[in-house]
Amino acid sequence: MKKVLIPFFILVMFVNGVLCTAQTISGQAGGYNYVDLGLPSGTKWATCNIGANDPFEYGDYFAWGEVEAKKKYNWDTYKWSGAKLDSLYKYCTQTLWGNADSTAVLLADDDAATAAWGNAWRMPTKTEQDELLEGCNWVWTVNYNGSRVAGSIGTSKTNGNTIFLPAGGYRLMKSNFDEGECGFYWSASLFEEYSFDAYAMELKNARNKSIFDKRRNGNNIRAVVR
């Protein structure tokens, strides 16, 4: 049978309208689906966010190192702020900023993915997020599978499996910012040069990158399993 090749420009046209493709499901861990993107580390990624039931749902928002969503996101509600709002008492690398415990990756007790889905799951490290960004070709859609939800679709460079990450924006105080414009996803890794920040993925118009973000902010979480 002769193969029919679909030109790339047609794919882009569908991405900017409605991309009718199902996200790949490779298996389950602890009752939650994951996709195997053939990444060198063997890390497998969840098919929806923590607090979501479908890939196009934003799910819950978490401050970094907190395991529950809340109504207000700022320093005075942040779990790891010290008596003074300019100090930290956990996950801190210098005494200038608080209790210097030199813990640079979230412990299981402070991992929202583990708390929500069990010990099989955890938040990704910055290295694992970088591997995801590098290991896929990314396109942006404003209407994923007719859901009217914008976000980034990654297709594995290795095995062609796909993952969708919705653009849920972020929360500060009681407001949501950049919804439908950007996605912000926490890693488990502290930004050691300035402990008030932690690493996250920023997804915007398929120009995806690693950033460091204020730990007080409410971001989404996409969990991983091995």
C-alpha atoms as a PDB file:
ATOM      1  CA  MET A   1       0.000   0.000   0.000  1.00  0.00           C
ATOM      2  CA  LYS A   2       1.310   3.392  -0.936  1.00  0.00           C
ATOM      3  CA  LYS A   3       1.969   5.651   2.060  1.00  0.00           C
ATOM      4  CA  VAL A   4       0.370   9.104   2.113  1.00  0.00           C
ATOM      5  CA  LEU A   5       2.565  11.764   3.666  1.00  0.00           C
ATOM      6  CA  ILE A   6       0.899  14.698   5.410  1.00  0.00           C
ATOM      7  CA  PRO A   7       2.827  17.925   4.873  1.00  0.00           C
ATOM      8  CA  PHE A   8       3.966  19.716   8.012  1.00  0.00           C
ATOM      9  CA  PHE A   9       2.027  22.902   7.169  1.00  0.00           C
ATOM     10  CA  ILE A  10      -1.227  20.927   7.271  1.00  0.00           C
ATOM     11  CA  LEU A  11      -0.341  19.643  10.745  1.00  0.00           C
ATOM     12  CA  VAL A  12       0.283  23.203  11.905  1.00  0.00           C
ATOM     13  CA  MET A  13      -3.085  24.277  10.506  1.00  0.00           C
ATOM     14  CA  PHE A  14      -4.806  21.640  12.625  1.00  0.00           C
ATOM     15  CA  VAL A  15      -2.756  22.564  15.692  1.00  0.00           C
ATOM     16  CA  ASN A  16      -3.879  26.174  15.503  1.00  0.00           C
ATOM     17  CA  GLY A  17      -7.461  25.048  15.069  1.00  0.00           C
ATOM     18  CA  VAL A  18      -8.490  21.697  16.492  1.00  0.00           C
ATOM     19  CA  LEU A  19      -5.900  18.964  16.782  1.00  0.00           C
ATOM     20  CA  CYS A  20      -7.841  15.697  16.762  1.00  0.00           C
ATOM     21  CA  THR A  21      -5.406  13.273  18.321  1.00  0.00           C
ATOM     22  CA  ALA A  22      -5.509  11.320  21.545  1.00  0.00           C
ATOM     23  CA  GLN A  23      -2.659  11.569  23.992  1.00  0.00           C
ATOM     24  CA  THR A  24      -0.734   8.303  24.187  1.00  0.00           C
ATOM     25  CA  ILE A  25      -1.376   6.005  27.151  1.00  0.00           C
ATOM     26  CA  SER A  26       1.424   3.485  27.657  1.00  0.00           C
ATOM     27  CA  GLY A  27       0.442   2.005  31.004  1.00  0.00           C
ATOM     28  CA  GLN A  28      -0.594   2.657  34.599  1.00  0.00           C
ATOM     29  CA  ALA A  29       1.082   3.039  37.978  1.00  0.00           C
ATOM     30  CA  GLY A  30      -0.969   3.212  41.149  1.00  0.00           C
ATOM     31  CA  GLY A  31      -4.140   3.572  39.079  1.00  0.00           C
ATOM     32  CA  TYR A  32      -2.939   6.596  37.081  1.00  0.00           C
ATOM     33  CA  ASN A  33      -2.001   6.607  33.388  1.00  0.00           C
ATOM     34  CA  TYR A  34       1.428   7.408  32.036  1.00  0.00           C
ATOM     35  CA  VAL A  35       3.021   7.866  28.628  1.00  0.00           C
ATOM     36  CA  ASP A  36       6.401   6.400  27.713  1.00  0.00           C
ATOM     37  CA  LEU A  37       8.167   8.929  25.499  1.00  0.00           C
ATOM     38  CA  GLY A  38      11.289   6.816  25.040  1.00  0.00           C
ATOM     39  CA  LEU A  39      13.417   9.214  27.095  1.00  0.00           C
ATOM     40  CA  PRO A  40      17.000   8.129  27.844  1.00  0.00           C
ATOM     41  CA  SER A  41      16.460   8.072  31.625  1.00  0.00           C
ATOM     42  CA  GLY A  42      13.429   5.795  31.316  1.00  0.00           C
ATOM     43  CA  THR A  43      11.254   8.410  33.045  1.00  0.00           C
ATOM     44  CA  LYS A  44       7.568   8.121  32.188  1.00  0.00           C
ATOM     45  CA  TRP A  45       5.199  11.069  32.426  1.00  0.00           C
ATOM     46  CA  ALA A  46       1.637  11.226  33.720  1.00  0.00           C
ATOM     47  CA  THR A  47      -1.048  11.921  31.118  1.00  0.00           C
ATOM     48  CA  CYS A  48      -2.805  14.575  33.240  1.00  0.00           C
ATOM     49  CA  ASN A  49      -1.967  17.078  35.947  1.00  0.00           C
ATOM     50  CA  ILE A  50      -2.290  16.451  39.666  1.00  0.00           C
ATOM     51  CA  GLY A  51      -5.886  17.239  40.586  1.00  0.00           C
ATOM     52  CA  ALA A  52      -7.146  16.651  37.017  1.00  0.00           C
ATOM     53  CA  ASN A  53      -9.094  13.772  35.507  1.00  0.00           C
ATOM     54  CA  ASP A  54      -8.407  14.534  31.830  1.00  0.00           C
ATOM     55  CA  PRO A  55      -5.356  15.810  29.920  1.00  0.00           C
ATOM     56  CA  PHE A  56      -7.043  19.131  29.085  1.00  0.00           C
ATOM     57  CA  GLU A  57      -7.943  19.972  32.714  1.00  0.00           C
ATOM     58  CA  TYR A  58      -5.590  22.293  34.594  1.00  0.00           C
ATOM     59  CA  GLY A  59      -5.913  20.440  37.878  1.00  0.00           C
ATOM     60  CA  ASP A  60      -4.765  21.935  41.165  1.00  0.00           C
ATOM     61  CA  TYR A  61      -2.228  24.675  41.819  1.00  0.00           C
ATOM     62  CA  PHE A  62       0.491  24.283  44.419  1.00  0.00           C
ATOM     63  CA  ALA A  63       3.099  26.499  45.998  1.00  0.00           C
ATOM     64  CA  TRP A  64       6.485  24.802  45.763  1.00  0.00           C
ATOM     65  CA  GLY A  65       6.965  22.243  48.518  1.00  0.00           C
ATOM     66  CA  GLU A  66       3.311  22.296  49.609  1.00  0.00           C
ATOM     67  CA  VAL A  67       1.039  19.283  49.149  1.00  0.00           C
ATOM     68  CA  GLU A  68      -2.364  20.971  49.225  1.00  0.00           C
ATOM     69  CA  ALA A  69      -4.017  23.564  47.017  1.00  0.00           C
ATOM     70  CA  LYS A  70      -5.228  26.737  48.741  1.00  0.00           C
ATOM     71  CA  LYS A  71      -7.140  29.952  48.098  1.00  0.00           C
ATOM     72  CA  LYS A  72      -4.336  32.482  48.529  1.00  0.00           C
ATOM     73  CA  TYR A  73      -0.762  32.256  47.257  1.00  0.00           C
ATOM     74  CA  ASN A  74       1.814  34.627  48.722  1.00  0.00           C
ATOM     75  CA  TRP A  75       4.620  34.645  51.261  1.00  0.00           C
ATOM     76  CA  ASP A  76       2.422  35.076  54.318  1.00  0.00           C
ATOM     77  CA  THR A  77       0.525  31.855  53.464  1.00  0.00           C
ATOM     78  CA  TYR A  78       3.600  29.926  52.335  1.00  0.00           C
ATOM     79  CA  LYS A  79       4.337  26.872  54.455  1.00  0.00           C
ATOM     80  CA  TRP A  80       8.102  27.297  54.530  1.00  0.00           C
ATOM     81  CA  SER A  81       8.297  31.017  55.285  1.00  0.00           C
ATOM     82  CA  GLY A  82       9.943  31.803  58.581  1.00  0.00           C
ATOM     83  CA  ALA A  83       8.758  34.230  61.253  1.00  0.00           C
ATOM     84  CA  LYS A  84       9.923  36.993  58.937  1.00  0.00           C
ATOM     85  CA  LEU A  85       8.620  36.891  55.396  1.00  0.00           C
ATOM     86  CA  ASP A  86      12.133  37.344  54.043  1.00  0.00           C
ATOM     87  CA  SER A  87      13.359  34.111  55.612  1.00  0.00           C
ATOM     88  CA  LEU A  88      12.929  30.384  54.985  1.00  0.00           C
ATOM     89  CA  TYR A  89      13.115  27.479  57.390  1.00  0.00           C
ATOM     90  CA  LYS A  90      13.323  24.589  54.917  1.00  0.00           C
ATOM     91  CA  TYR A  91      14.991  24.172  51.523  1.00  0.00           C
ATOM     92  CA  CYS A  92      17.511  26.951  51.986  1.00  0.00           C
ATOM     93  CA  THR A  93      21.152  27.085  50.908  1.00  0.00           C
ATOM     94  CA  GLN A  94      22.450  30.160  52.774  1.00  0.00           C
ATOM     95  CA  THR A  95      21.995  31.491  56.325  1.00  0.00           C
ATOM     96  CA  LEU A  96      21.396  34.904  54.770  1.00  0.00           C
ATOM     97  CA  TRP A  97      17.955  33.613  53.712  1.00  0.00           C
ATOM     98  CA  GLY A  98      17.049  31.544  56.765  1.00  0.00           C
ATOM     99  CA  ASN A  99      17.734  28.049  58.086  1.00  0.00           C
ATOM    100  CA  ALA A 100      20.418  26.724  55.753  1.00  0.00           C
ATOM    101  CA  ASP A 101      19.650  23.004  55.517  1.00  0.00           C
ATOM    102  CA  SER A 102      21.178  22.688  52.012  1.00  0.00           C
ATOM    103  CA  THR A 103      18.315  20.439  50.869  1.00  0.00           C
ATOM    104  CA  ALA A 104      17.956  21.153  47.170  1.00  0.00           C
ATOM    105  CA  VAL A 105      15.373  18.560  46.054  1.00  0.00           C
ATOM    106  CA  LEU A 106      11.937  18.093  47.589  1.00  0.00           C
ATOM    107  CA  LEU A 107      11.611  15.288  50.106  1.00  0.00           C
ATOM    108  CA  ALA A 108       8.771  12.808  49.643  1.00  0.00           C
ATOM    109  CA  ASP A 109       6.755  14.352  52.496  1.00  0.00           C
ATOM    110  CA  ASP A 110       6.710  17.686  50.642  1.00  0.00           C
ATOM    111  CA  ASP A 111       6.061  16.288  47.160  1.00  0.00           C
ATOM    112  CA  ALA A 112       2.501  17.045  46.003  1.00  0.00           C
ATOM    113  CA  ALA A 113       2.550  14.241  43.421  1.00  0.00           C
ATOM    114  CA  THR A 114       3.492  11.620  46.004  1.00  0.00           C
ATOM    115  CA  ALA A 115       0.923  12.963  48.466  1.00  0.00           C
ATOM    116  CA  ALA A 116      -1.872  12.844  45.877  1.00  0.00           C
ATOM    117  CA  TRP A 117      -1.078   9.667  43.895  1.00  0.00           C
ATOM    118  CA  GLY A 118       1.071   7.529  46.171  1.00  0.00           C
ATOM    119  CA  ASN A 119       4.686   6.442  46.409  1.00  0.00           C
ATOM    120  CA  ALA A 120       4.965   5.345  42.776  1.00  0.00           C
ATOM    121  CA  TRP A 121       4.698   8.975  41.684  1.00  0.00           C
ATOM    122  CA  ARG A 122       6.753  12.087  42.327  1.00  0.00           C
ATOM    123  CA  MET A 123       7.481  15.510  40.929  1.00  0.00           C
ATOM    124  CA  PRO A 124      10.163  15.634  38.210  1.00  0.00           C
ATOM    125  CA  THR A 125      13.571  17.146  38.797  1.00  0.00           C
ATOM    126  CA  LYS A 126      14.832  19.999  36.641  1.00  0.00           C
ATOM    127  CA  THR A 127      17.006  17.485  34.777  1.00  0.00           C
ATOM    128  CA  GLU A 128      13.962  15.356  33.967  1.00  0.00           C
ATOM    129  CA  GLN A 129      11.987  18.390  32.804  1.00  0.00           C
ATOM    130  CA  ASP A 130      14.888  19.406  30.576  1.00  0.00           C
ATOM    131  CA  GLU A 131      14.961  15.874  29.164  1.00  0.00           C
ATOM    132  CA  LEU A 132      11.245  16.081  28.375  1.00  0.00           C
ATOM    133  CA  LEU A 133      11.612  19.435  26.619  1.00  0.00           C
ATOM    134  CA  GLU A 134      14.606  18.228  24.626  1.00  0.00           C
ATOM    135  CA  GLY A 135      13.210  14.788  23.843  1.00  0.00           C
ATOM    136  CA  CYS A 136      10.033  15.973  22.088  1.00  0.00           C
ATOM    137  CA  ASN A 137       9.069  18.146  19.155  1.00  0.00           C
ATOM    138  CA  TRP A 138       6.556  20.725  20.426  1.00  0.00           C
ATOM    139  CA  VAL A 139       3.596  22.443  18.814  1.00  0.00           C
ATOM    140  CA  TRP A 140       1.047  24.821  20.285  1.00  0.00           C
ATOM    141  CA  THR A 141      -2.715  24.409  20.066  1.00  0.00           C
ATOM    142  CA  VAL A 142      -5.467  26.799  21.122  1.00  0.00           C
ATOM    143  CA  ASN A 143      -8.164  24.094  21.028  1.00  0.00           C
ATOM    144  CA  TYR A 144      -6.930  20.683  22.083  1.00  0.00           C
ATOM    145  CA  ASN A 145      -9.293  17.961  20.830  1.00  0.00           C
ATOM    146  CA  GLY A 146     -12.185  20.422  20.745  1.00  0.00           C
ATOM    147  CA  SER A 147     -11.834  21.239  24.450  1.00  0.00           C
ATOM    148  CA  ARG A 148     -11.085  24.943  23.775  1.00  0.00           C
ATOM    149  CA  VAL A 149      -8.054  24.529  26.009  1.00  0.00           C
ATOM    150  CA  ALA A 150      -4.696  25.869  24.853  1.00  0.00           C
ATOM    151  CA  GLY A 151      -1.397  24.205  25.554  1.00  0.00           C
ATOM    152  CA  SER A 152       1.703  22.449  24.276  1.00  0.00           C
ATOM    153  CA  ILE A 153       1.730  19.072  22.522  1.00  0.00           C
ATOM    154  CA  GLY A 154       4.992  17.152  22.582  1.00  0.00           C
ATOM    155  CA  THR A 155       5.745  14.302  20.189  1.00  0.00           C
ATOM    156  CA  SER A 156       8.610  12.033  21.168  1.00  0.00           C
ATOM    157  CA  LYS A 157      11.613  12.191  18.864  1.00  0.00           C
ATOM    158  CA  THR A 158      12.239   8.542  19.708  1.00  0.00           C
ATOM    159  CA  ASN A 159       8.940   6.650  19.505  1.00  0.00           C
ATOM    160  CA  GLY A 160       6.319   9.162  18.279  1.00  0.00           C
ATOM    161  CA  ASN A 161       4.204   9.004  21.454  1.00  0.00           C
ATOM    162  CA  THR A 162       2.539  12.242  22.508  1.00  0.00           C
ATOM    163  CA  ILE A 163       1.909  14.270  25.645  1.00  0.00           C
ATOM    164  CA  PHE A 164      -0.286  17.345  26.171  1.00  0.00           C
ATOM    165  CA  LEU A 165       0.348  20.013  28.805  1.00  0.00           C
ATOM    166  CA  PRO A 166      -2.433  22.597  29.188  1.00  0.00           C
ATOM    167  CA  ALA A 167      -1.678  26.294  29.655  1.00  0.00           C
ATOM    168  CA  GLY A 168      -3.187  26.844  33.082  1.00  0.00           C
ATOM    169  CA  GLY A 169      -1.206  29.965  33.936  1.00  0.00           C
ATOM    170  CA  TYR A 170      -0.258  30.514  37.576  1.00  0.00           C
ATOM    171  CA  ARG A 171      -1.841  31.790  40.763  1.00  0.00           C
ATOM    172  CA  LEU A 172      -0.694  34.703  42.915  1.00  0.00           C
ATOM    173  CA  MET A 173      -2.725  35.953  45.855  1.00  0.00           C
ATOM    174  CA  LYS A 174      -6.289  34.926  44.889  1.00  0.00           C
ATOM    175  CA  SER A 175      -5.973  35.524  41.136  1.00  0.00           C
ATOM    176  CA  ASN A 176      -5.051  33.419  38.126  1.00  0.00           C
ATOM    177  CA  PHE A 177      -2.659  34.946  35.581  1.00  0.00           C
ATOM    178  CA  ASP A 178      -1.764  33.930  32.003  1.00  0.00           C
ATOM    179  CA  GLU A 179      -4.462  31.239  31.767  1.00  0.00           C
ATOM    180  CA  GLY A 180      -4.612  30.052  28.158  1.00  0.00           C
ATOM    181  CA  GLU A 181      -1.356  31.857  27.377  1.00  0.00           C
ATOM    182  CA  CYS A 182       1.296  29.954  29.334  1.00  0.00           C
ATOM    183  CA  GLY A 183       1.709  26.796  31.337  1.00  0.00           C
ATOM    184  CA  PHE A 184       3.883  26.734  34.464  1.00  0.00           C
ATOM    185  CA  TYR A 185       4.904  23.382  35.930  1.00  0.00           C
ATOM    186  CA  TRP A 186       6.930  22.927  39.090  1.00  0.00           C
ATOM    187  CA  SER A 187       9.974  20.713  39.284  1.00  0.00           C
ATOM    188  CA  ALA A 188      11.211  19.213  42.551  1.00  0.00           C
ATOM    189  CA  SER A 189      14.472  21.173  42.271  1.00  0.00           C
ATOM    190  CA  LEU A 190      15.388  24.261  44.267  1.00  0.00           C
ATOM    191  CA  PHE A 191      17.116  27.167  42.537  1.00  0.00           C
ATOM    192  CA  GLU A 192      20.171  26.955  44.759  1.00  0.00           C
ATOM    193  CA  GLU A 193      21.587  30.361  43.827  1.00  0.00           C
ATOM    194  CA  TYR A 194      18.539  32.042  45.387  1.00  0.00           C
ATOM    195  CA  SER A 195      16.500  29.803  47.674  1.00  0.00           C
ATOM    196  CA  PHE A 196      13.276  31.791  47.398  1.00  0.00           C
ATOM    197  CA  ASP A 197      12.944  30.371  43.874  1.00  0.00           C
ATOM    198  CA  ALA A 198      12.605  26.872  42.429  1.00  0.00           C
ATOM    199  CA  TYR A 199      12.856  25.526  38.889  1.00  0.00           C
ATOM    200  CA  ALA A 200       9.799  25.155  36.675  1.00  0.00           C
ATOM    201  CA  MET A 201       8.903  24.591  33.028  1.00  0.00           C
ATOM    202  CA  GLU A 202       7.357  27.506  31.159  1.00  0.00           C
ATOM    203  CA  LEU A 203       5.304  26.477  28.119  1.00  0.00           C
ATOM    204  CA  LYS A 204       4.355  29.273  25.749  1.00  0.00           C
ATOM    205  CA  ASN A 205       3.532  28.975  22.049  1.00  0.00           C
ATOM    206  CA  ALA A 206       5.744  25.855  21.911  1.00  0.00           C
ATOM    207  CA  ARG A 207       8.724  28.019  22.948  1.00  0.00           C
ATOM    208  CA  ASN A 208       9.238  25.953  26.054  1.00  0.00           C
ATOM    209  CA  LYS A 209      12.058  26.474  28.523  1.00  0.00           C
ATOM    210  CA  SER A 210      13.246  25.973  32.064  1.00  0.00           C
ATOM    211  CA  ILE A 211      12.848  28.962  34.384  1.00  0.00           C
ATOM    212  CA  PHE A 212      13.142  29.693  38.083  1.00  0.00           C
ATOM    213  CA  ASP A 213       9.984  30.950  39.763  1.00  0.00           C
ATOM    214  CA  LYS A 214       8.933  32.264  43.179  1.00  0.00           C
ATOM    215  CA  ARG A 215       8.172  29.381  45.539  1.00  0.00           C
ATOM    216  CA  ARG A 216       5.052  31.187  46.801  1.00  0.00           C
ATOM    217  CA  ASN A 217       3.358  31.002  43.357  1.00  0.00           C
ATOM    218  CA  GLY A 218       0.695  28.435  42.582  1.00  0.00           C
ATOM    219  CA  ASN A 219       1.768  26.316  39.590  1.00  0.00           C
ATOM    220  CA  ASN A 220       0.507  23.082  38.094  1.00  0.00           C
ATOM    221  CA  ILE A 221       2.303  19.747  38.552  1.00  0.00           C
ATOM    222  CA  ARG A 222       2.808  16.943  36.025  1.00  0.00           C
ATOM    223  CA  ALA A 223       4.116  13.878  37.834  1.00  0.00           C
ATOM    224  CA  VAL A 224       6.603  11.222  36.741  1.00  0.00           C
ATOM    225  CA  VAL A 225       7.189   7.539  37.439  1.00  0.00           C
ATOM    226  CA  ARG A 226       9.953   5.040  36.618  1.00  0.00           C
END
